[in-house]
């Protein structure tokens, strides 16, 4: 191998210099000093090589100097390593520049910020959407440049599981933005800003369409239902079963229209009314309605803590709670038990509907609050459900800063729980 041979040559050179020095010293009667002088010369040669190495390492020259003895393989190895590092650095720079070009070309705005919301970098789309200036705004706090109250509160909250949707752009309020924050390394976060103007316009068109169609359907359905109610099935003889089915389907369609109108109203309102709502009297009325719907087929129990009233919309809360209870009655077999509990919760207060029904398979739970989503089409038709009840519940709870928890076990039953934060409790009712 090259290195051992170079080491051997260095040792031979050292011995040769020491021997030569000892020979010269022998002529003057000082062989020891002569050998020492030879070793000193060898050491000076090594120091010279070390200084050459130091100068080369401090330069940008790829080619190492010529080495002496054991230094040559060291120089060669370092030269190869420097060339490899140079090539690797070039590849990394090309990859980094390619990534930057891709980030700059994205239609979404990208802004790298730290935990203090100080801006480290942003792309061209961020400049366009938020009106940022480069390089003047680098190092500035983002919440000092984008001052929309909802955005500032969202950024200061520190909870970014959910994006901030439908916010006006600082430069043009007609442009609607979606904000999402992602932590990508310790102390650094990436803010993604997306123009959702077209999506919001389409959503508004959808809401308007549903609301207008529902309003237009209400009148003819009311007329049809009125005529059907005025006719006695016994008078139709053989057509009596068909008439009964028509009457039932008319009622079902009317319920769907009413639920669609309720959803449209909930979507249109910016925030619920802030008024004290007495929960226990409301649940008493809902229990009586549930008993009437059940017609004695179920045991319905109510346990309510009257010291935890809620601030919000009584009409909307009644609609949400009633939908949950009615669903429990519809989907719980005869002889089942339904418990209504309103009680303190670690986060504030909670209303729970606990039934002994068939249970819901786990794969369906995440989609239960979608419009018209059905676990079983046949079961929903038989029960008279519209597929909109849980969507209404979700909208009402979101408007009140609450959430819906669903637990279900096949063959044992389900629990639907509405959890309200302490901020929604009436004054003096906080646990």
Protein backbone atom coordinates (compact mmCIF):
# COMPACT_ATOMS: atom_id res chain seq x y z
CA UNK A 1 0.00 0.00 0.00
CA UNK A 2 1.03 3.56 -0.71
CA UNK A 3 0.85 4.90 2.86
CA UNK A 4 3.03 2.24 4.53
CA UNK A 5 5.66 2.65 1.82
CA UNK A 6 5.68 6.42 2.28
CA UNK A 7 6.01 5.97 6.02
CA UNK A 8 8.92 3.62 5.49
CA UNK A 9 10.63 6.20 3.26
CA UNK A 10 10.16 8.84 5.95
CA UNK A 11 11.69 6.57 8.58
CA UNK A 12 14.60 5.79 6.26
CA UNK A 13 15.11 9.51 5.62
CA UNK A 14 15.05 10.23 9.36
CA UNK A 15 17.57 7.47 10.05
CA UNK A 16 19.72 8.63 7.15
CA UNK A 17 19.78 12.23 8.37
CA UNK A 18 20.54 11.13 11.94
CA UNK A 19 23.30 8.80 10.68
CA UNK A 20 24.79 11.47 8.45
CA UNK A 21 24.75 13.94 11.30
CA UNK A 22 26.38 11.43 13.63
CA UNK A 23 29.09 10.75 10.98
CA UNK A 24 29.85 14.43 10.56
CA UNK A 25 29.85 14.87 14.34
CA UNK A 26 32.29 11.95 14.70
CA UNK A 27 34.83 13.92 12.68
CA UNK A 28 34.79 16.66 15.29
CA UNK A 29 34.39 14.29 18.20
CA UNK A 30 30.64 15.02 18.81
CA UNK A 31 28.65 12.17 17.19
CA UNK A 32 25.64 12.73 19.57
CA UNK A 33 25.31 16.38 18.63
CA UNK A 34 25.64 15.45 15.00
CA UNK A 35 22.82 12.93 15.24
CA UNK A 36 20.68 15.53 17.07
CA UNK A 37 21.35 18.06 14.31
CA UNK A 38 20.22 15.48 11.73
CA UNK A 39 17.01 14.81 13.64
CA UNK A 40 16.42 18.58 13.99
CA UNK A 41 16.78 18.97 10.25
CA UNK A 42 14.24 16.16 9.76
CA UNK A 43 11.84 17.90 12.18
CA UNK A 44 12.23 21.19 10.29
CA UNK A 45 11.38 19.41 7.06
CA UNK A 46 8.19 18.02 8.70
CA UNK A 47 7.29 21.47 10.01
CA UNK A 48 7.72 22.87 6.51
CA UNK A 49 5.27 20.26 5.20
CA UNK A 50 2.82 21.14 7.96
CA UNK A 51 3.00 24.84 7.09
CA UNK A 52 2.42 24.06 3.40
CA UNK A 53 -0.60 21.98 4.38
CA UNK A 54 -1.92 24.80 6.53
CA UNK A 55 -1.55 27.36 3.72
CA UNK A 56 -3.24 25.03 1.22
CA UNK A 57 -6.17 24.33 3.55
CA UNK A 58 -6.66 28.10 3.85
CA UNK A 59 -6.76 28.53 0.06
CA UNK A 60 -9.35 27.54 -2.54
CA UNK A 61 -6.85 25.65 -4.68
CA UNK A 62 -8.09 22.15 -5.46
CA UNK A 63 -4.61 20.76 -6.10
CA UNK A 64 -2.54 19.94 -3.04
CA UNK A 65 1.22 20.75 -2.97
CA UNK A 66 3.84 18.06 -3.40
CA UNK A 67 4.43 16.21 -0.18
CA UNK A 68 7.54 14.75 1.38
CA UNK A 69 7.60 11.18 2.62
CA UNK A 70 4.56 10.25 4.67
CA UNK A 71 2.95 13.63 3.89
CA UNK A 72 2.30 12.80 0.26
CA UNK A 73 -0.53 10.29 0.90
CA UNK A 74 -2.03 12.77 3.38
CA UNK A 75 -2.00 15.51 0.74
CA UNK A 76 -3.48 13.15 -1.85
CA UNK A 77 -6.29 12.02 0.46
CA UNK A 78 -7.16 15.59 1.43
CA UNK A 79 -7.12 16.64 -2.21
CA UNK A 80 -9.59 13.90 -3.12
CA UNK A 81 -11.80 14.81 -0.18
CA UNK A 82 -11.76 18.51 -1.13
CA UNK A 83 -12.73 17.68 -4.72
CA UNK A 84 -15.57 15.44 -3.49
CA UNK A 85 -16.77 18.12 -1.06
CA UNK A 86 -16.67 20.72 -3.84
CA UNK A 87 -18.76 18.48 -6.10
CA UNK A 88 -21.20 17.70 -3.29
CA UNK A 89 -21.53 21.41 -2.50
CA UNK A 90 -22.28 22.17 -6.14
CA UNK A 91 -24.99 19.50 -6.23
CA UNK A 92 -26.52 20.86 -3.00
CA UNK A 93 -26.47 24.42 -4.34
CA UNK A 94 -28.18 23.28 -7.54
CA UNK A 95 -30.82 21.37 -5.52
CA UNK A 96 -31.33 24.35 -3.18
CA UNK A 97 -31.69 26.76 -6.08
CA UNK A 98 -34.13 24.38 -7.76
CA UNK A 99 -36.17 24.22 -4.52
CA UNK A 100 -36.14 28.01 -4.25
CA UNK A 101 -37.25 28.37 -7.87
CA UNK A 102 -40.11 25.91 -7.22
CA UNK A 103 -41.09 27.76 -4.02
CA UNK A 104 -41.00 31.11 -5.85
CA UNK A 105 -43.17 29.72 -8.65
CA UNK A 106 -45.90 28.34 -6.36
CA UNK A 107 -49.26 30.12 -6.60
CA UNK A 108 -49.59 29.83 -2.80
CA UNK A 109 -47.76 32.31 -0.62
CA UNK A 110 -45.00 30.84 1.56
CA UNK A 111 -43.59 32.73 4.54
CA UNK A 112 -40.98 31.31 6.91
CA UNK A 113 -41.38 32.76 10.41
CA UNK A 114 -39.94 31.98 13.84
CA UNK A 115 -41.76 31.60 17.14
CA UNK A 116 -41.73 35.38 17.58
CA UNK A 117 -43.50 35.73 14.19
CA UNK A 118 -40.40 37.35 12.68
CA UNK A 119 -40.15 36.88 8.90
CA UNK A 120 -37.11 34.97 7.59
CA UNK A 121 -38.10 34.45 3.95
CA UNK A 122 -41.12 34.67 1.63
CA UNK A 123 -41.86 33.96 -2.02
CA UNK A 124 -43.35 36.11 -4.80
CA UNK A 125 -46.91 34.91 -4.17
CA UNK A 126 -46.66 36.08 -0.55
CA UNK A 127 -45.59 39.52 -1.83
CA UNK A 128 -48.61 39.61 -4.14
CA UNK A 129 -51.21 38.29 -1.66
CA UNK A 130 -50.07 40.10 1.48
CA UNK A 131 -48.32 43.14 0.01
CA UNK A 132 -44.93 42.24 1.54
CA UNK A 133 -41.78 44.02 0.35
CA UNK A 134 -38.38 42.44 -0.20
CA UNK A 135 -35.95 42.88 1.48
CA UNK A 136 -37.48 45.59 3.67
CA UNK A 137 -39.93 43.25 5.44
CA UNK A 138 -37.42 40.46 6.13
CA UNK A 139 -36.80 40.53 9.88
CA UNK A 140 -40.12 42.29 10.59
CA UNK A 141 -42.92 40.75 12.65
CA UNK A 142 -45.66 39.37 10.43
CA UNK A 143 -48.45 40.38 12.82
CA UNK A 144 -47.20 43.97 12.58
CA UNK A 145 -47.55 43.90 8.79
CA UNK A 146 -50.83 41.96 8.51
CA UNK A 147 -53.09 43.61 11.08
CA UNK A 148 -56.45 41.91 10.42
CA UNK A 149 -57.85 41.23 13.95
CA UNK A 150 -58.93 37.64 13.16
CA UNK A 151 -55.49 36.83 11.74
CA UNK A 152 -53.64 38.40 14.68
CA UNK A 153 -55.79 36.46 17.19
CA UNK A 154 -55.30 33.22 15.25
CA UNK A 155 -51.53 33.72 15.07
CA UNK A 156 -51.32 34.57 18.78
CA UNK A 157 -53.46 31.59 19.83
CA UNK A 158 -50.70 29.07 19.16
CA UNK A 159 -53.23 26.42 18.07
CA UNK A 160 -53.00 25.78 14.35
CA UNK A 161 -54.75 22.44 13.87
CA UNK A 162 -57.45 24.23 11.89
CA UNK A 163 -56.72 26.76 9.12
CA UNK A 164 -58.02 30.31 9.14
CA UNK A 165 -60.51 30.52 6.28
CA UNK A 166 -62.12 33.30 4.25
CA UNK A 167 -60.04 36.26 5.36
CA UNK A 168 -59.72 39.48 3.31
CA UNK A 169 -56.35 40.20 1.70
CA UNK A 170 -54.60 43.30 3.12
CA UNK A 171 -54.31 44.89 -0.33
CA UNK A 172 -57.76 43.98 -1.68
CA UNK A 173 -60.71 42.90 0.45
CA UNK A 174 -62.33 41.23 -2.57
CA UNK A 175 -59.55 38.64 -2.47
CA UNK A 176 -60.31 35.97 0.15
CA UNK A 177 -57.44 34.10 1.76
CA UNK A 178 -56.88 30.86 3.64
CA UNK A 179 -54.03 30.69 6.18
CA UNK A 180 -52.38 27.47 7.36
CA UNK A 181 -49.34 27.24 9.64
CA UNK A 182 -46.96 24.24 9.68
CA UNK A 183 -43.99 23.67 12.01
CA UNK A 184 -41.16 22.26 9.88
CA UNK A 185 -38.17 22.51 12.23
CA UNK A 186 -37.56 23.57 15.85
CA UNK A 187 -38.35 27.25 16.24
CA UNK A 188 -39.43 27.74 12.61
CA UNK A 189 -42.88 27.62 11.00
CA UNK A 190 -44.12 27.92 7.44
CA UNK A 191 -47.22 30.03 6.82
CA UNK A 192 -49.11 29.00 3.69
CA UNK A 193 -51.39 31.65 2.17
CA UNK A 194 -53.88 30.54 -0.51
CA UNK A 195 -56.25 32.58 -2.64
CA UNK A 196 -59.68 30.95 -2.15
CA UNK A 197 -61.74 33.72 -3.74
CA UNK A 198 -63.17 31.48 -6.45
CA UNK A 199 -63.92 28.74 -3.94
CA UNK A 200 -65.71 31.21 -1.65
CA UNK A 201 -67.71 32.58 -4.59
CA UNK A 202 -68.74 29.07 -5.61
CA UNK A 203 -69.65 28.30 -2.00
CA UNK A 204 -71.76 31.45 -1.87
CA UNK A 205 -73.47 30.45 -5.12
CA UNK A 206 -74.19 27.03 -3.61
CA UNK A 207 -75.63 28.54 -0.44
CA UNK A 208 -77.77 30.97 -2.41
CA UNK A 209 -78.99 28.18 -4.68
CA UNK A 210 -79.95 25.93 -1.77
CA UNK A 211 -81.69 28.77 0.06
CA UNK A 212 -83.59 29.97 -3.02
CA UNK A 213 -84.62 26.49 -4.13
CA UNK A 214 -85.76 25.62 -0.61
CA UNK A 215 -87.85 28.78 -0.42
CA UNK A 216 -89.36 28.09 -3.86
CA UNK A 217 -90.18 24.48 -2.92
CA UNK A 218 -91.81 25.38 0.36
CA UNK A 219 -94.93 26.97 -1.16
CA UNK A 220 -95.87 24.20 -3.63
CA UNK A 221 -95.11 21.55 -1.03
CA UNK A 222 -97.38 23.33 1.44
CA UNK A 223 -100.16 23.41 -1.15
CA UNK A 224 -99.72 19.72 -2.02
CA UNK A 225 -99.65 18.73 1.65
CA UNK A 226 -102.80 20.77 2.27
CA UNK A 227 -104.72 19.02 -0.47
CA UNK A 228 -103.48 15.61 0.68
CA UNK A 229 -104.55 16.31 4.24
CA UNK A 230 -107.99 17.36 3.03
CA UNK A 231 -108.62 14.00 1.36
CA UNK A 232 -109.67 11.01 3.39
CA UNK A 233 -107.87 7.81 2.35
CA UNK A 234 -111.03 5.74 2.90
CA UNK A 235 -112.69 7.55 0.02
CA UNK A 236 -110.08 6.27 -2.45
CA UNK A 237 -110.67 2.57 -1.83
CA UNK A 238 -108.01 0.64 -3.80
CA UNK A 239 -105.78 3.72 -4.06
CA UNK A 240 -105.71 4.31 -0.31
CA UNK A 241 -102.19 2.78 0.23
CA UNK A 242 -100.78 4.95 -2.57
CA UNK A 243 -102.39 8.01 -1.06
CA UNK A 244 -100.95 7.26 2.39
CA UNK A 245 -97.49 6.89 0.83
CA UNK A 246 -97.89 10.20 -1.02
CA UNK A 247 -98.87 11.92 2.23
CA UNK A 248 -95.85 10.43 4.03
CA UNK A 249 -93.41 11.40 1.26
CA UNK A 250 -94.87 14.91 1.20
CA UNK A 251 -94.18 15.25 4.93
CA UNK A 252 -90.66 13.91 4.44
CA UNK A 253 -89.95 16.38 1.64
CA UNK A 254 -91.28 19.22 3.80
CA UNK A 255 -88.89 18.19 6.60
CA UNK A 256 -85.95 18.18 4.16
CA UNK A 257 -86.86 21.67 2.93
CA UNK A 258 -87.14 22.97 6.49
CA UNK A 259 -83.76 21.48 7.40
CA UNK A 260 -82.18 23.00 4.29
CA UNK A 261 -83.60 26.39 5.20
CA UNK A 262 -82.25 26.00 8.73
CA UNK A 263 -78.80 25.16 7.37
CA UNK A 264 -78.92 28.15 5.02
CA UNK A 265 -79.82 30.44 7.89
CA UNK A 266 -77.02 29.06 10.07
CA UNK A 267 -74.48 29.49 7.27
CA UNK A 268 -75.61 33.04 6.56
CA UNK A 269 -75.37 34.32 10.14
CA UNK A 270 -71.98 35.59 11.25
CA UNK A 271 -72.39 34.78 14.94
CA UNK A 272 -75.14 33.50 17.24
CA UNK A 273 -77.12 35.80 19.50
CA UNK A 274 -75.50 36.22 22.89
CA UNK A 275 -78.39 35.74 25.29
CA UNK A 276 -78.69 33.60 28.44
CA UNK A 277 -80.31 30.30 27.60
CA UNK A 278 -81.97 28.26 30.36
CA UNK A 279 -80.93 24.77 29.36
CA UNK A 280 -83.02 22.65 31.74
CA UNK A 281 -86.45 24.06 30.71
CA UNK A 282 -85.38 23.60 27.09
CA UNK A 283 -84.44 19.96 27.70
CA UNK A 284 -87.74 19.39 29.51
CA UNK A 285 -89.59 20.45 26.34
CA UNK A 286 -87.33 18.29 24.17
CA UNK A 287 -87.92 15.28 26.43
CA UNK A 288 -91.71 15.73 26.13
CA UNK A 289 -91.40 15.93 22.33
CA UNK A 290 -89.24 12.79 22.35
CA UNK A 291 -91.80 10.95 24.49
CA UNK A 292 -94.51 11.91 22.02
CA UNK A 293 -92.40 10.68 19.09
CA UNK A 294 -91.50 7.46 20.92
CA UNK A 295 -95.13 6.71 21.83
CA UNK A 296 -94.02 4.76 24.88
CA UNK A 297 -91.60 2.50 23.01
CA UNK A 298 -88.51 3.86 24.82
CA UNK A 299 -87.47 4.87 28.31
CA UNK A 300 -86.24 8.48 28.11
CA UNK A 301 -84.49 9.88 31.19
CA UNK A 302 -83.30 13.44 31.82
CA UNK A 303 -80.62 14.58 34.27
CA UNK A 304 -79.91 18.29 34.13
CA UNK A 305 -77.74 20.59 36.27
CA UNK A 306 -79.59 23.91 36.27
CA UNK A 307 -76.53 25.88 37.47
CA UNK A 308 -74.78 25.71 34.08
CA UNK A 309 -76.77 27.80 31.64
CA UNK A 310 -75.26 28.83 28.28
CA UNK A 311 -74.90 32.18 26.54
CA UNK A 312 -75.91 31.86 22.88
CA UNK A 313 -78.89 31.39 20.58
CA UNK A 314 -81.72 29.53 22.27
CA UNK A 315 -83.38 28.76 18.91
CA UNK A 316 -80.22 27.24 17.44
CA UNK A 317 -79.33 25.27 20.56
CA UNK A 318 -82.86 23.87 20.73
CA UNK A 319 -82.56 22.80 17.10
CA UNK A 320 -79.20 21.06 17.74
CA UNK A 321 -80.23 19.29 20.94
CA UNK A 322 -83.59 18.28 19.49
CA UNK A 323 -81.93 16.75 16.42
CA UNK A 324 -79.68 14.60 18.60
CA UNK A 325 -82.58 13.39 20.76
CA UNK A 326 -84.86 12.71 17.78
CA UNK A 327 -82.08 10.70 16.11
CA UNK A 328 -81.72 8.64 19.27
CA UNK A 329 -85.46 7.88 19.30
CA UNK A 330 -85.52 7.02 15.59
CA UNK A 331 -82.52 4.70 15.63
CA UNK A 332 -83.02 2.99 18.98
CA UNK A 333 -85.11 -0.20 18.80
CA UNK A 334 -88.31 -0.44 20.80
CA UNK A 335 -87.65 -1.17 24.47
CA UNK A 336 -84.38 0.74 24.42
CA UNK A 337 -83.21 3.36 26.88
CA UNK A 338 -82.21 6.95 26.10
CA UNK A 339 -80.50 9.16 28.68
CA UNK A 340 -80.15 12.94 28.39
CA UNK A 341 -77.40 14.39 30.57
CA UNK A 342 -76.45 18.06 30.97
CA UNK A 343 -73.61 18.41 33.45
CA UNK A 344 -70.29 20.08 34.26
CA UNK A 345 -67.29 19.19 32.09
CA UNK A 346 -63.54 19.74 32.44
CA UNK A 347 -63.76 22.35 29.65
CA UNK A 348 -67.05 23.93 30.74
CA UNK A 349 -70.32 22.04 30.30
CA UNK A 350 -71.56 19.12 28.21
CA UNK A 351 -74.88 17.83 26.90
CA UNK A 352 -74.88 14.08 26.21
CA UNK A 353 -77.41 11.83 24.49
CA UNK A 354 -76.74 8.20 25.38
CA UNK A 355 -78.78 5.45 23.70
CA UNK A 356 -78.86 1.65 23.62
CA UNK A 357 -79.33 1.47 19.86
CA UNK A 358 -77.63 -0.59 17.19
CA UNK A 359 -74.36 1.35 17.27
CA UNK A 360 -72.47 2.86 14.34
CA UNK A 361 -69.46 1.23 12.64
CA UNK A 362 -66.23 3.13 13.33
CA UNK A 363 -65.53 3.88 9.66
CA UNK A 364 -68.70 5.99 9.45
CA UNK A 365 -68.08 8.20 12.50
CA UNK A 366 -65.84 10.86 10.84
CA UNK A 367 -68.46 11.50 8.12
CA UNK A 368 -71.65 11.56 10.15
CA UNK A 369 -71.88 15.38 10.12
CA UNK A 370 -71.69 15.60 6.32
CA UNK A 371 -74.88 16.62 4.54
CA UNK A 372 -77.03 13.71 3.41
CA UNK A 373 -74.44 11.19 4.55
CA UNK A 374 -76.15 7.97 5.60
CA UNK A 375 -74.81 4.94 7.40
CA UNK A 376 -77.63 2.94 5.82
CA UNK A 377 -79.98 4.36 3.18
CA UNK A 378 -82.75 1.90 3.97
CA UNK A 379 -82.57 2.55 7.71
CA UNK A 380 -82.70 6.32 7.15
CA UNK A 381 -85.75 6.04 4.88
CA UNK A 382 -87.55 3.80 7.34
CA UNK A 383 -86.88 6.19 10.21
CA UNK A 384 -87.90 9.28 8.28
CA UNK A 385 -84.53 11.00 8.65
CA UNK A 386 -83.41 13.74 6.24
CA UNK A 387 -79.66 13.23 6.50
CA UNK A 388 -79.23 16.86 7.60
CA UNK A 389 -79.73 16.70 11.36
CA UNK A 390 -76.10 16.18 12.37
CA UNK A 391 -74.96 18.80 9.83
CA UNK A 392 -77.22 21.27 11.63
CA UNK A 393 -75.80 20.17 14.99
CA UNK A 394 -72.24 20.73 13.74
CA UNK A 395 -73.00 24.24 12.44
CA UNK A 396 -74.70 25.27 15.67
CA UNK A 397 -71.86 23.97 17.84
CA UNK A 398 -69.19 25.59 15.67
CA UNK A 399 -70.97 28.92 15.95
CA UNK A 400 -70.93 28.56 19.75
CA UNK A 401 -67.25 27.54 19.92
CA UNK A 402 -68.31 24.03 20.97
CA UNK A 403 -67.55 20.61 19.50
CA UNK A 404 -69.33 17.32 18.93
CA UNK A 405 -67.88 14.08 20.30
CA UNK A 406 -69.24 10.76 19.03
CA UNK A 407 -68.66 7.36 20.64
CA UNK A 408 -70.33 4.20 19.45
CA UNK A 409 -70.12 0.45 19.99
CA UNK A 410 -71.88 -2.00 17.70
CA UNK A 411 -74.70 -3.75 19.55
CA UNK A 412 -74.42 -1.54 22.65
CA UNK A 413 -75.34 1.96 21.55
CA UNK A 414 -73.94 5.43 20.94
CA UNK A 415 -73.11 8.61 22.81
CA UNK A 416 -73.32 12.05 21.21
CA UNK A 417 -71.76 14.73 23.41
CA UNK A 418 -71.81 18.51 22.89
CA UNK A 419 -68.90 20.10 24.80
CA UNK A 420 -69.17 23.85 25.50
CA UNK A 421 -66.19 25.96 26.62
CA UNK A 422 -66.21 27.91 29.86
CA UNK A 423 -66.48 31.14 27.83
CA UNK A 424 -70.01 30.08 26.77
CA UNK A 425 -71.30 29.56 30.30
CA UNK A 426 -73.62 32.20 31.73
CA UNK A 427 -72.07 34.58 34.31
CA UNK A 428 -71.70 32.86 37.66
CA UNK A 429 -72.08 29.41 36.15
CA UNK A 430 -68.41 28.61 35.61
CA UNK A 431 -67.30 25.45 37.42
